[in-house]
Each structure stands twice: as C-alpha cells, then as structure tokens.
C-alpha cells in the first residue's frame, strides 16, 4: 500500500512459512490464531489488562500500537510476519505507538521470537481441533468491547461506527453511524478519528 516500514534496532521482525495441512480450516483464520499466540506471549511480559487486540492484526498496549501481524499467500504456502516493538517504538503519523522498553520490560528480541513460535504452534493445534468458533470467541474476549467507537478506512471509504463483533469468517462487523450494518473484510481501524493530510 505504499507504506514505509521502520525497524529500530532491538525490535523483533520475524517471518515464518506455513504450509496448510489437511483438515485445517480457512488459512485466513491463521491471522487470528497468530494474534492469540502473540497475546499469550505478551501476557507473560506485561499485565494482560493493559493489552488489547485490534482488528485485524494489531496488539495494543495502553491503547498504543505495540505489535502487528501480516499474513500473505505465496503460492501454496502462507507467510506469517510478526513485528513487536521490543526496544523502541517507531513514530507513526497516524497512531500512537509504544515499546516493551517503554513499559519497563527489557527482553531480547530473539527470546520473544522463540516464545511466539512455541505459542503459535500450540494455538494452531488448538485451532485444528477446535475450529474457528473457539478462536473467534477467544479473540473477542481479548479485543476492545462491543460498542467501542471505531473508524474504518476500507474499500467503502471512511466509515464511523461502533464495534459489533466478528463475523463467522473473521470479518469486522461495524454498526455505522449511517444506520447501516457494515461487514468489512479488509481495512484500517482506528479508535479515534484518523488524521488526514494537513492535520498535526
């Protein structure tokens, strides 16, 4: 999408190849599986009450972006990318950011990577046997509450509304201020109105 990525020294940027297995669900669901695994790891480092999952692929700490996940398909495999602001938080123009070091947690990126890999394997196994319904319920329990005001930029443009949950396929459900129920499969989400060009 033409974005520039920053990776300050000491932060974690890891990618892994995932080969879908027979009997597994929709591969797109693995983004939510990974989010739960990352949340599991971060809960071992900071108070879980300070963490919140944000659709579709971020983990926030104290309301600021701490980490993100990217799931892409390359042929018959998936590439799962995970980034965590371990040592420093890059400055972004459109949202607040934070690092583990900012929260008083000092840990090596390699250690976090090992924990994420192990947690993802465990969560993937649970998804394989329990299906997406259990993943969806666990994700919702760790996300912003239903009714939270959200702003979404998607193919429909910019939409304001309140969080109405996740669809059975992981789509974001948004009760728009326009009176419509929106089902969003791809987009950027903010908890406050996103800045536009010219805003400070």
N, C-alpha and C. Protein backbone atom coordinates (compact mmCIF):
# COMPACT_ATOMS: atom_id res chain seq x y z
N UNK A 1 0.82 -1.21 0.00
CA UNK A 1 0.00 0.00 0.00
C UNK A 1 0.85 1.26 0.00
N UNK A 2 2.12 1.13 -0.39
CA UNK A 2 2.98 2.28 -0.47
C UNK A 2 3.48 2.80 0.86
N UNK A 3 3.38 1.99 1.91
CA UNK A 3 3.80 2.45 3.22
C UNK A 3 5.28 2.18 3.44
N UNK A 4 5.89 3.00 4.30
CA UNK A 4 7.27 2.79 4.70
C UNK A 4 7.27 2.12 6.08
N UNK A 5 8.14 1.11 6.23
CA UNK A 5 8.21 0.37 7.48
C UNK A 5 9.50 0.74 8.19
N UNK A 6 9.40 0.88 9.51
CA UNK A 6 10.56 1.20 10.32
C UNK A 6 10.85 0.04 11.26
N UNK A 7 12.12 -0.28 11.43
CA UNK A 7 12.51 -1.36 12.34
C UNK A 7 13.71 -0.92 13.15
N UNK A 8 13.47 -0.17 14.25
CA UNK A 8 14.57 0.25 15.09
C UNK A 8 15.36 -0.94 15.64
N UNK A 9 16.62 -0.73 15.87
CA UNK A 9 17.48 -1.80 16.39
C UNK A 9 16.94 -2.34 17.71
N UNK A 10 16.96 -3.65 17.83
CA UNK A 10 16.49 -4.29 19.06
C UNK A 10 15.05 -4.73 19.00
N UNK A 11 14.33 -4.35 17.94
CA UNK A 11 12.94 -4.79 17.80
C UNK A 11 12.88 -6.14 17.10
N UNK A 12 11.71 -6.75 17.14
CA UNK A 12 11.52 -8.06 16.53
C UNK A 12 10.78 -7.95 15.21
N UNK A 13 11.36 -8.54 14.17
CA UNK A 13 10.68 -8.71 12.90
C UNK A 13 10.95 -10.14 12.47
N UNK A 14 9.94 -10.97 12.47
CA UNK A 14 10.12 -12.38 12.14
C UNK A 14 9.07 -12.82 11.13
N UNK A 15 9.46 -13.73 10.26
CA UNK A 15 8.54 -14.30 9.29
C UNK A 15 8.68 -15.81 9.32
N UNK A 16 7.58 -16.49 9.10
CA UNK A 16 7.60 -17.94 9.06
C UNK A 16 6.74 -18.45 7.93
N UNK A 17 7.17 -19.55 7.30
CA UNK A 17 6.38 -20.18 6.25
C UNK A 17 5.42 -21.19 6.88
N UNK A 18 4.17 -21.12 6.48
CA UNK A 18 3.15 -22.04 6.99
C UNK A 18 2.59 -22.82 5.81
N UNK A 19 2.63 -24.11 5.92
CA UNK A 19 2.06 -24.96 4.88
C UNK A 19 0.72 -25.49 5.39
N UNK A 20 -0.40 -25.04 4.79
CA UNK A 20 -1.71 -25.53 5.24
C UNK A 20 -1.77 -27.05 5.22
N UNK A 21 -2.40 -27.62 6.25
CA UNK A 21 -2.49 -29.06 6.39
C UNK A 21 -3.92 -29.54 6.14
N UNK A 22 -4.04 -30.77 5.71
CA UNK A 22 -5.36 -31.36 5.51
C UNK A 22 -6.14 -31.33 6.82
N UNK A 23 -7.41 -30.98 6.72
CA UNK A 23 -8.25 -30.93 7.91
C UNK A 23 -8.26 -29.59 8.60
N UNK A 24 -7.40 -28.66 8.18
CA UNK A 24 -7.41 -27.32 8.78
C UNK A 24 -8.48 -26.46 8.11
N UNK A 25 -8.87 -25.40 8.79
CA UNK A 25 -9.90 -24.50 8.27
C UNK A 25 -9.34 -23.53 7.25
N UNK A 26 -10.07 -22.46 7.03
CA UNK A 26 -9.67 -21.41 6.09
C UNK A 26 -8.31 -20.85 6.52
N UNK A 27 -7.31 -20.86 5.65
CA UNK A 27 -5.98 -20.36 6.04
C UNK A 27 -6.01 -18.92 6.54
N UNK A 28 -6.97 -18.11 6.08
CA UNK A 28 -7.04 -16.72 6.53
C UNK A 28 -7.28 -16.63 8.04
N UNK A 29 -7.85 -17.68 8.62
CA UNK A 29 -8.11 -17.69 10.06
C UNK A 29 -6.82 -17.71 10.88
N UNK A 30 -5.71 -18.08 10.23
CA UNK A 30 -4.45 -18.16 10.95
C UNK A 30 -3.96 -16.80 11.44
N UNK A 31 -4.44 -15.72 10.82
CA UNK A 31 -4.09 -14.40 11.34
C UNK A 31 -4.62 -14.20 12.75
N UNK A 32 -5.82 -14.70 13.01
CA UNK A 32 -6.40 -14.59 14.36
C UNK A 32 -5.71 -15.56 15.31
N UNK A 33 -5.34 -16.74 14.80
CA UNK A 33 -4.59 -17.71 15.61
C UNK A 33 -3.26 -17.08 16.05
N UNK A 34 -2.59 -16.42 15.11
CA UNK A 34 -1.32 -15.77 15.43
C UNK A 34 -1.50 -14.64 16.43
N UNK A 35 -2.59 -13.89 16.29
CA UNK A 35 -2.85 -12.79 17.23
C UNK A 35 -3.01 -13.32 18.66
N UNK A 36 -3.71 -14.44 18.80
CA UNK A 36 -3.87 -15.03 20.12
C UNK A 36 -2.52 -15.51 20.67
N UNK A 37 -1.71 -16.12 19.80
CA UNK A 37 -0.39 -16.58 20.24
C UNK A 37 0.47 -15.41 20.70
N UNK A 38 0.46 -14.33 19.93
CA UNK A 38 1.24 -13.15 20.31
C UNK A 38 0.74 -12.56 21.62
N UNK A 39 -0.58 -12.52 21.78
CA UNK A 39 -1.17 -12.03 23.03
C UNK A 39 -0.73 -12.91 24.20
N UNK A 40 -0.72 -14.24 24.00
CA UNK A 40 -0.26 -15.15 25.05
C UNK A 40 1.14 -14.79 25.51
N UNK A 41 2.03 -14.56 24.54
CA UNK A 41 3.42 -14.25 24.87
C UNK A 41 3.51 -12.92 25.62
N UNK A 42 2.82 -11.93 25.12
CA UNK A 42 2.90 -10.59 25.73
C UNK A 42 2.31 -10.58 27.13
N UNK A 43 1.32 -11.45 27.38
CA UNK A 43 0.74 -11.53 28.72
C UNK A 43 1.75 -12.05 29.73
N UNK A 44 2.79 -12.74 29.24
CA UNK A 44 3.85 -13.19 30.12
C UNK A 44 4.86 -12.11 30.43
N UNK A 45 4.71 -10.96 29.78
CA UNK A 45 5.66 -9.86 29.96
C UNK A 45 5.04 -8.63 30.61
N UNK A 46 3.75 -8.38 30.35
CA UNK A 46 3.06 -7.23 30.93
C UNK A 46 1.69 -7.69 31.44
N UNK A 47 1.08 -6.86 32.26
CA UNK A 47 -0.25 -7.16 32.78
C UNK A 47 -1.24 -7.27 31.63
N UNK A 48 -1.96 -8.38 31.57
CA UNK A 48 -2.89 -8.62 30.47
C UNK A 48 -3.97 -7.56 30.37
N UNK A 49 -4.30 -6.89 31.48
CA UNK A 49 -5.33 -5.85 31.46
C UNK A 49 -4.89 -4.66 30.62
N UNK A 50 -3.59 -4.54 30.35
CA UNK A 50 -3.07 -3.41 29.57
C UNK A 50 -3.05 -3.72 28.08
N UNK A 51 -3.32 -4.98 27.71
CA UNK A 51 -3.24 -5.41 26.32
C UNK A 51 -4.62 -5.53 25.69
N UNK A 52 -4.68 -5.26 24.40
CA UNK A 52 -5.94 -5.34 23.68
C UNK A 52 -5.68 -5.69 22.22
N UNK A 53 -6.43 -6.66 21.70
CA UNK A 53 -6.33 -6.98 20.29
C UNK A 53 -7.15 -6.00 19.48
N UNK A 54 -6.61 -5.61 18.33
CA UNK A 54 -7.31 -4.69 17.44
C UNK A 54 -7.39 -5.32 16.06
N UNK A 55 -8.60 -5.35 15.52
CA UNK A 55 -8.81 -5.96 14.21
C UNK A 55 -8.06 -5.17 13.14
N UNK A 56 -7.46 -5.84 12.16
CA UNK A 56 -7.41 -7.30 12.06
C UNK A 56 -6.14 -7.92 12.62
N UNK A 57 -5.11 -7.10 12.93
CA UNK A 57 -3.80 -7.73 13.13
C UNK A 57 -2.87 -7.03 14.10
N UNK A 58 -3.38 -6.23 15.02
CA UNK A 58 -2.51 -5.50 15.93
C UNK A 58 -2.75 -5.92 17.38
N UNK A 59 -1.72 -5.73 18.20
CA UNK A 59 -1.88 -5.81 19.65
C UNK A 59 -1.49 -4.45 20.21
N UNK A 60 -2.39 -3.87 20.98
CA UNK A 60 -2.14 -2.57 21.60
C UNK A 60 -1.79 -2.75 23.07
N UNK A 61 -0.93 -1.87 23.55
CA UNK A 61 -0.57 -1.80 24.96
C UNK A 61 -0.90 -0.39 25.44
N UNK A 62 -1.72 -0.29 26.46
CA UNK A 62 -2.15 1.01 26.97
C UNK A 62 -2.72 1.89 25.85
N UNK A 63 -3.40 1.27 24.90
CA UNK A 63 -4.05 1.99 23.81
C UNK A 63 -3.15 2.38 22.66
N UNK A 64 -1.88 2.02 22.72
CA UNK A 64 -0.92 2.35 21.65
C UNK A 64 -0.44 1.07 20.98
N UNK A 65 -0.06 1.18 19.71
CA UNK A 65 0.35 0.00 18.95
C UNK A 65 1.69 -0.54 19.45
N UNK A 66 1.66 -1.81 19.85
CA UNK A 66 2.87 -2.49 20.31
C UNK A 66 3.38 -3.46 19.26
N UNK A 67 2.47 -4.09 18.55
CA UNK A 67 2.89 -5.12 17.60
C UNK A 67 1.84 -5.31 16.52
N UNK A 68 2.26 -5.97 15.45
CA UNK A 68 1.36 -6.22 14.34
C UNK A 68 1.69 -7.54 13.66
N UNK A 69 0.72 -8.02 12.90
CA UNK A 69 0.83 -9.30 12.21
C UNK A 69 0.43 -9.09 10.76
N UNK A 70 1.12 -9.76 9.85
CA UNK A 70 0.78 -9.71 8.44
C UNK A 70 0.78 -11.14 7.90
N UNK A 71 -0.32 -11.52 7.26
CA UNK A 71 -0.44 -12.86 6.68
C UNK A 71 -0.63 -12.72 5.18
N UNK A 72 0.28 -13.31 4.42
CA UNK A 72 0.23 -13.23 2.96
C UNK A 72 0.38 -14.62 2.37
N UNK A 73 -0.22 -14.82 1.20
CA UNK A 73 -0.09 -16.10 0.50
C UNK A 73 0.97 -15.98 -0.59
N UNK A 74 1.84 -16.97 -0.66
CA UNK A 74 2.83 -17.08 -1.72
C UNK A 74 2.72 -18.48 -2.30
N UNK A 75 2.00 -18.61 -3.40
CA UNK A 75 1.79 -19.92 -3.99
C UNK A 75 0.97 -20.80 -3.08
N UNK A 76 1.52 -21.96 -2.71
CA UNK A 76 0.77 -22.88 -1.85
C UNK A 76 1.18 -22.78 -0.39
N UNK A 77 1.91 -21.73 -0.03
CA UNK A 77 2.28 -21.53 1.37
C UNK A 77 1.84 -20.15 1.82
N UNK A 78 1.79 -19.96 3.12
CA UNK A 78 1.48 -18.67 3.72
C UNK A 78 2.74 -18.13 4.38
N UNK A 79 2.89 -16.83 4.35
CA UNK A 79 3.99 -16.17 5.05
C UNK A 79 3.39 -15.37 6.19
N UNK A 80 3.75 -15.76 7.41
CA UNK A 80 3.27 -15.06 8.60
C UNK A 80 4.37 -14.15 9.11
N UNK A 81 4.12 -12.85 9.09
CA UNK A 81 5.07 -11.88 9.60
C UNK A 81 4.58 -11.32 10.93
N UNK A 82 5.49 -11.22 11.87
CA UNK A 82 5.18 -10.68 13.20
C UNK A 82 6.21 -9.63 13.54
N UNK A 83 5.74 -8.46 13.95
CA UNK A 83 6.62 -7.40 14.40
C UNK A 83 6.24 -6.96 15.79
N UNK A 84 7.22 -6.77 16.66
CA UNK A 84 6.98 -6.32 18.03
C UNK A 84 7.96 -5.20 18.35
N UNK A 85 7.45 -4.11 18.87
CA UNK A 85 8.31 -3.01 19.34
C UNK A 85 8.90 -3.43 20.68
N UNK A 86 10.03 -4.10 20.62
CA UNK A 86 10.67 -4.60 21.84
C UNK A 86 11.46 -3.50 22.53
N UNK A 87 12.34 -2.86 21.76
CA UNK A 87 13.27 -1.89 22.36
C UNK A 87 12.87 -0.44 22.12
N UNK A 88 12.17 -0.18 21.01
CA UNK A 88 11.83 1.21 20.66
C UNK A 88 10.57 1.21 19.81
N UNK A 89 9.82 2.29 19.93
CA UNK A 89 8.58 2.43 19.16
C UNK A 89 8.79 3.42 18.02
N UNK A 90 8.62 2.99 16.77
CA UNK A 90 8.75 3.94 15.66
C UNK A 90 7.66 4.99 15.75
N UNK A 91 7.97 6.18 15.31
CA UNK A 91 7.00 7.28 15.33
C UNK A 91 6.15 7.19 14.06
N UNK A 92 4.86 7.04 14.23
CA UNK A 92 3.94 6.97 13.10
C UNK A 92 3.06 8.21 13.06
N UNK A 93 2.71 8.67 11.87
CA UNK A 93 1.94 9.90 11.77
C UNK A 93 0.48 9.76 12.14
N UNK A 94 -0.04 8.52 12.13
CA UNK A 94 -1.48 8.36 12.27
C UNK A 94 -1.92 7.61 13.52
N UNK A 95 -0.97 7.18 14.39
CA UNK A 95 -1.39 6.46 15.59
C UNK A 95 -0.29 6.47 16.63
N UNK A 96 -0.69 6.29 17.88
CA UNK A 96 0.26 6.22 18.98
C UNK A 96 0.95 4.87 18.97
N UNK A 97 2.22 4.85 19.35
CA UNK A 97 3.00 3.61 19.40
C UNK A 97 3.69 3.50 20.76
N UNK A 98 4.08 2.28 21.10
CA UNK A 98 4.74 2.04 22.37
C UNK A 98 5.64 0.82 22.22
N UNK A 99 6.66 0.70 23.05
CA UNK A 99 7.53 -0.47 23.05
C UNK A 99 7.46 -1.15 24.41
N UNK A 100 7.96 -2.38 24.46
CA UNK A 100 8.06 -3.07 25.75
C UNK A 100 9.00 -2.31 26.68
N UNK A 101 10.08 -1.77 26.13
CA UNK A 101 11.01 -1.00 26.96
C UNK A 101 10.32 0.21 27.57
N UNK A 102 9.41 0.85 26.81
CA UNK A 102 8.65 1.98 27.35
C UNK A 102 7.83 1.56 28.57
N UNK A 103 7.42 0.29 28.58
CA UNK A 103 6.61 -0.24 29.68
C UNK A 103 7.47 -0.82 30.80
N UNK A 104 8.79 -0.64 30.69
CA UNK A 104 9.69 -1.14 31.72
C UNK A 104 10.05 -2.61 31.58
N UNK A 105 9.80 -3.17 30.40
CA UNK A 105 10.12 -4.58 30.14
C UNK A 105 11.32 -4.63 29.20
N UNK A 106 12.39 -5.27 29.65
CA UNK A 106 13.61 -5.35 28.86
C UNK A 106 13.89 -6.82 28.57
N UNK A 107 13.77 -7.17 27.32
CA UNK A 107 13.89 -8.56 26.89
C UNK A 107 14.52 -8.58 25.50
N UNK A 108 15.20 -9.65 25.17
CA UNK A 108 15.84 -9.77 23.86
C UNK A 108 14.80 -10.16 22.81
N UNK A 109 14.93 -9.58 21.63
CA UNK A 109 14.00 -9.90 20.55
C UNK A 109 14.02 -11.40 20.22
N UNK A 110 15.19 -12.02 20.27
CA UNK A 110 15.30 -13.44 19.97
C UNK A 110 14.50 -14.28 20.97
N UNK A 111 14.47 -13.85 22.21
CA UNK A 111 13.70 -14.56 23.23
C UNK A 111 12.21 -14.46 22.92
N UNK A 112 11.77 -13.27 22.54
CA UNK A 112 10.36 -13.09 22.18
C UNK A 112 10.01 -13.95 20.97
N UNK A 113 10.92 -14.02 20.00
CA UNK A 113 10.68 -14.82 18.80
C UNK A 113 10.48 -16.30 19.15
N UNK A 114 11.31 -16.83 20.03
CA UNK A 114 11.18 -18.23 20.43
C UNK A 114 9.83 -18.47 21.11
N UNK A 115 9.42 -17.55 21.95
CA UNK A 115 8.15 -17.70 22.65
C UNK A 115 6.97 -17.63 21.68
N UNK A 116 7.06 -16.73 20.69
CA UNK A 116 5.99 -16.59 19.71
C UNK A 116 5.86 -17.87 18.89
N UNK A 117 6.98 -18.43 18.47
CA UNK A 117 6.94 -19.66 17.67
C UNK A 117 6.27 -20.80 18.44
N UNK A 118 6.63 -20.94 19.71
CA UNK A 118 6.04 -22.01 20.53
C UNK A 118 4.56 -21.77 20.77
N UNK A 119 4.20 -20.52 21.05
CA UNK A 119 2.79 -20.20 21.31
C UNK A 119 1.95 -20.39 20.06
N UNK A 120 2.51 -20.04 18.90
CA UNK A 120 1.76 -20.22 17.66
C UNK A 120 1.51 -21.70 17.38
N UNK A 121 2.50 -22.53 17.62
CA UNK A 121 2.33 -23.97 17.41
C UNK A 121 1.20 -24.50 18.29
N UNK A 122 1.15 -24.05 19.54
CA UNK A 122 0.10 -24.51 20.46
C UNK A 122 -1.27 -24.00 20.03
N UNK A 123 -1.35 -22.75 19.65
CA UNK A 123 -2.62 -22.18 19.23
C UNK A 123 -3.10 -22.79 17.91
N UNK A 124 -2.16 -23.09 17.02
CA UNK A 124 -2.54 -23.70 15.75
C UNK A 124 -3.12 -25.10 15.99
N UNK A 125 -2.51 -25.83 16.89
CA UNK A 125 -3.02 -27.16 17.22
C UNK A 125 -4.43 -27.08 17.78
N UNK A 126 -4.67 -26.10 18.66
CA UNK A 126 -6.00 -25.94 19.24
C UNK A 126 -7.02 -25.55 18.17
N UNK A 127 -6.61 -24.71 17.22
CA UNK A 127 -7.49 -24.31 16.11
C UNK A 127 -7.84 -25.50 15.24
N UNK A 128 -6.84 -26.35 15.01
CA UNK A 128 -7.04 -27.52 14.15
C UNK A 128 -8.10 -28.45 14.76
N UNK A 129 -8.11 -28.57 16.07
CA UNK A 129 -9.06 -29.48 16.70
C UNK A 129 -10.37 -28.80 17.10
N UNK A 130 -10.31 -27.52 17.45
CA UNK A 130 -11.50 -26.84 17.95
C UNK A 130 -12.21 -25.96 16.94
N UNK A 131 -11.55 -25.67 15.81
CA UNK A 131 -12.18 -24.85 14.78
C UNK A 131 -12.12 -23.36 15.09
N UNK A 132 -12.67 -22.57 14.15
CA UNK A 132 -12.56 -21.12 14.26
C UNK A 132 -13.49 -20.54 15.32
N UNK A 133 -14.59 -21.23 15.63
CA UNK A 133 -15.53 -20.68 16.62
C UNK A 133 -14.83 -20.42 17.95
N UNK A 134 -13.98 -21.34 18.38
CA UNK A 134 -13.26 -21.16 19.65
C UNK A 134 -12.23 -20.04 19.53
N UNK A 135 -11.56 -19.96 18.37
CA UNK A 135 -10.59 -18.89 18.14
C UNK A 135 -11.30 -17.54 18.16
N UNK A 136 -12.43 -17.46 17.48
CA UNK A 136 -13.20 -16.22 17.42
C UNK A 136 -13.61 -15.77 18.82
N UNK A 137 -14.10 -16.70 19.64
CA UNK A 137 -14.52 -16.35 21.00
C UNK A 137 -13.35 -15.86 21.83
N UNK A 138 -12.20 -16.54 21.70
CA UNK A 138 -11.02 -16.13 22.46
C UNK A 138 -10.52 -14.77 22.00
N UNK A 139 -10.57 -14.52 20.69
CA UNK A 139 -10.13 -13.23 20.17
C UNK A 139 -11.03 -12.11 20.69
N UNK A 140 -12.33 -12.33 20.63
CA UNK A 140 -13.27 -11.30 21.10
C UNK A 140 -13.08 -10.99 22.59
N UNK A 141 -12.74 -12.01 23.37
CA UNK A 141 -12.53 -11.81 24.81
C UNK A 141 -11.32 -10.93 25.09
N UNK A 142 -10.43 -10.79 24.11
CA UNK A 142 -9.21 -10.02 24.30
C UNK A 142 -9.21 -8.72 23.50
N UNK A 143 -10.30 -8.45 22.82
CA UNK A 143 -10.39 -7.26 21.97
C UNK A 143 -11.15 -6.14 22.68
N UNK A 144 -11.23 -4.99 22.01
CA UNK A 144 -12.00 -3.88 22.56
C UNK A 144 -13.45 -4.32 22.70
N UNK A 145 -14.18 -3.82 23.71
CA UNK A 145 -15.54 -4.29 23.98
C UNK A 145 -16.50 -3.96 22.84
N UNK A 146 -17.56 -4.75 22.76
CA UNK A 146 -18.64 -4.43 21.81
C UNK A 146 -19.17 -3.04 22.14
N UNK A 147 -19.46 -2.28 21.10
CA UNK A 147 -19.95 -0.92 21.30
C UNK A 147 -18.86 0.13 21.29
N UNK A 148 -17.58 -0.30 21.22
CA UNK A 148 -16.48 0.67 21.16
C UNK A 148 -16.56 1.46 19.86
N UNK A 149 -16.38 2.76 19.95
CA UNK A 149 -16.39 3.61 18.76
C UNK A 149 -15.15 3.32 17.92
N UNK A 150 -15.35 3.10 16.62
CA UNK A 150 -14.26 2.82 15.71
C UNK A 150 -14.43 3.62 14.43
N UNK A 151 -13.31 3.88 13.78
CA UNK A 151 -13.30 4.49 12.45
C UNK A 151 -12.54 3.53 11.54
N UNK A 152 -13.10 3.24 10.40
CA UNK A 152 -12.51 2.27 9.48
C UNK A 152 -12.33 2.91 8.11
N UNK A 153 -11.16 2.70 7.53
CA UNK A 153 -10.93 3.07 6.15
C UNK A 153 -10.83 1.79 5.34
N UNK A 154 -11.75 1.61 4.40
CA UNK A 154 -11.79 0.38 3.61
C UNK A 154 -12.15 0.74 2.17
N UNK A 155 -12.49 -0.28 1.40
CA UNK A 155 -12.90 -0.04 0.02
C UNK A 155 -14.16 0.80 -0.08
N UNK A 156 -14.92 0.85 1.01
CA UNK A 156 -16.13 1.67 1.05
C UNK A 156 -15.82 3.13 1.38
N UNK A 157 -14.56 3.43 1.67
CA UNK A 157 -14.20 4.77 2.12
C UNK A 157 -14.03 4.78 3.62
N UNK A 158 -14.22 5.93 4.24
CA UNK A 158 -14.07 6.06 5.69
C UNK A 158 -15.43 5.92 6.36
N UNK A 159 -15.50 5.02 7.32
CA UNK A 159 -16.76 4.70 7.99
C UNK A 159 -16.58 4.89 9.49
N UNK A 160 -17.51 5.56 10.13
CA UNK A 160 -17.54 5.69 11.58
C UNK A 160 -18.67 4.83 12.11
N UNK A 161 -18.43 4.21 13.25
CA UNK A 161 -19.47 3.38 13.84
C UNK A 161 -19.02 2.79 15.15
N UNK A 162 -19.67 1.71 15.57
CA UNK A 162 -19.32 1.03 16.80
C UNK A 162 -19.07 -0.44 16.51
N UNK A 163 -18.16 -1.01 17.26
CA UNK A 163 -17.76 -2.39 17.08
C UNK A 163 -18.92 -3.32 17.42
N UNK A 164 -19.27 -4.19 16.46
CA UNK A 164 -20.38 -5.12 16.66
C UNK A 164 -19.93 -6.57 16.64
N UNK A 165 -18.63 -6.81 16.68
CA UNK A 165 -18.12 -8.16 16.77
C UNK A 165 -17.42 -8.63 15.51
N UNK A 166 -17.26 -9.94 15.43
CA UNK A 166 -16.62 -10.59 14.28
C UNK A 166 -17.63 -11.51 13.61
N UNK A 167 -17.60 -11.53 12.28
CA UNK A 167 -18.40 -12.48 11.56
C UNK A 167 -17.83 -13.88 11.70
N UNK A 168 -18.57 -14.87 11.23
CA UNK A 168 -18.10 -16.25 11.32
C UNK A 168 -16.83 -16.49 10.52
N UNK A 169 -16.56 -15.58 9.57
CA UNK A 169 -15.34 -15.70 8.76
C UNK A 169 -14.25 -14.74 9.21
N UNK A 170 -14.45 -14.06 10.34
CA UNK A 170 -13.45 -13.13 10.86
C UNK A 170 -13.62 -11.70 10.38
N UNK A 171 -14.64 -11.44 9.58
CA UNK A 171 -14.89 -10.06 9.12
C UNK A 171 -15.25 -9.17 10.29
N UNK A 172 -14.85 -7.90 10.20
CA UNK A 172 -15.22 -6.91 11.20
C UNK A 172 -16.66 -6.50 10.99
N UNK A 173 -17.45 -6.54 12.04
CA UNK A 173 -18.84 -6.08 11.99
C UNK A 173 -18.91 -4.71 12.65
N UNK A 174 -19.45 -3.75 11.92
CA UNK A 174 -19.48 -2.37 12.39
C UNK A 174 -20.89 -1.81 12.22
N UNK A 175 -21.46 -1.33 13.32
CA UNK A 175 -22.74 -0.62 13.25
C UNK A 175 -22.42 0.83 12.92
N UNK A 176 -22.63 1.21 11.66
CA UNK A 176 -22.24 2.53 11.21
C UNK A 176 -23.15 3.63 11.72
N UNK A 177 -22.57 4.81 11.87
CA UNK A 177 -23.38 5.97 12.26
C UNK A 177 -24.34 6.34 11.13
N UNK A 178 -24.11 5.76 9.94
CA UNK A 178 -25.01 5.99 8.82
C UNK A 178 -26.26 5.10 8.88
N UNK A 179 -26.35 4.31 9.98
CA UNK A 179 -27.52 3.45 10.16
C UNK A 179 -27.40 2.10 9.49
N UNK A 180 -26.28 1.84 8.83
CA UNK A 180 -26.07 0.58 8.13
C UNK A 180 -25.19 -0.36 8.94
N UNK A 181 -25.40 -1.65 8.75
CA UNK A 181 -24.52 -2.66 9.33
C UNK A 181 -23.47 -3.00 8.29
N UNK A 182 -22.22 -2.71 8.60
CA UNK A 182 -21.12 -2.92 7.65
C UNK A 182 -20.38 -4.22 7.98
N UNK A 183 -20.04 -4.96 6.95
CA UNK A 183 -19.23 -6.17 7.07
C UNK A 183 -17.93 -5.90 6.31
N UNK A 184 -16.82 -5.81 7.04
CA UNK A 184 -15.57 -5.34 6.46
C UNK A 184 -14.54 -6.47 6.48
N UNK A 185 -14.03 -6.81 5.31
CA UNK A 185 -13.05 -7.89 5.20
C UNK A 185 -11.61 -7.39 5.12
N UNK A 186 -11.42 -6.13 4.79
CA UNK A 186 -10.07 -5.56 4.73
C UNK A 186 -10.17 -4.07 4.97
N UNK A 187 -9.26 -3.54 5.78
CA UNK A 187 -9.28 -2.11 6.05
C UNK A 187 -8.39 -1.77 7.23
N UNK A 188 -8.24 -0.47 7.47
CA UNK A 188 -7.51 0.03 8.63
C UNK A 188 -8.51 0.52 9.66
N UNK A 189 -8.21 0.26 10.93
CA UNK A 189 -9.12 0.59 12.03
C UNK A 189 -8.43 1.53 13.00
N UNK A 190 -9.15 2.54 13.43
CA UNK A 190 -8.67 3.47 14.45
C UNK A 190 -9.69 3.55 15.58
N UNK A 191 -9.19 3.81 16.80
CA UNK A 191 -10.07 4.02 17.93
C UNK A 191 -10.43 5.48 18.12
N UNK A 192 -9.85 6.34 17.28
CA UNK A 192 -10.19 7.76 17.26
C UNK A 192 -10.10 8.19 15.81
N UNK A 193 -10.70 9.33 15.45
CA UNK A 193 -10.70 9.70 14.03
C UNK A 193 -9.30 9.75 13.46
N UNK A 194 -9.04 9.04 12.35
CA UNK A 194 -7.70 9.06 11.75
C UNK A 194 -7.35 10.45 11.24
N UNK A 195 -6.07 10.78 11.34
CA UNK A 195 -5.60 12.07 10.85
C UNK A 195 -5.63 12.08 9.33
N UNK A 196 -5.88 13.23 8.78
CA UNK A 196 -5.83 13.40 7.34
C UNK A 196 -4.70 14.34 7.02
N UNK A 197 -4.36 14.42 5.75
CA UNK A 197 -3.25 15.28 5.34
C UNK A 197 -3.51 16.72 5.78
N UNK A 198 -2.52 17.32 6.41
CA UNK A 198 -2.65 18.70 6.86
C UNK A 198 -2.92 18.79 8.35
N UNK A 199 -3.33 17.63 8.98
CA UNK A 199 -3.54 17.66 10.42
C UNK A 199 -2.20 17.46 11.12
N UNK A 200 -2.08 18.03 12.32
CA UNK A 200 -0.85 17.86 13.07
C UNK A 200 -0.81 16.57 13.82
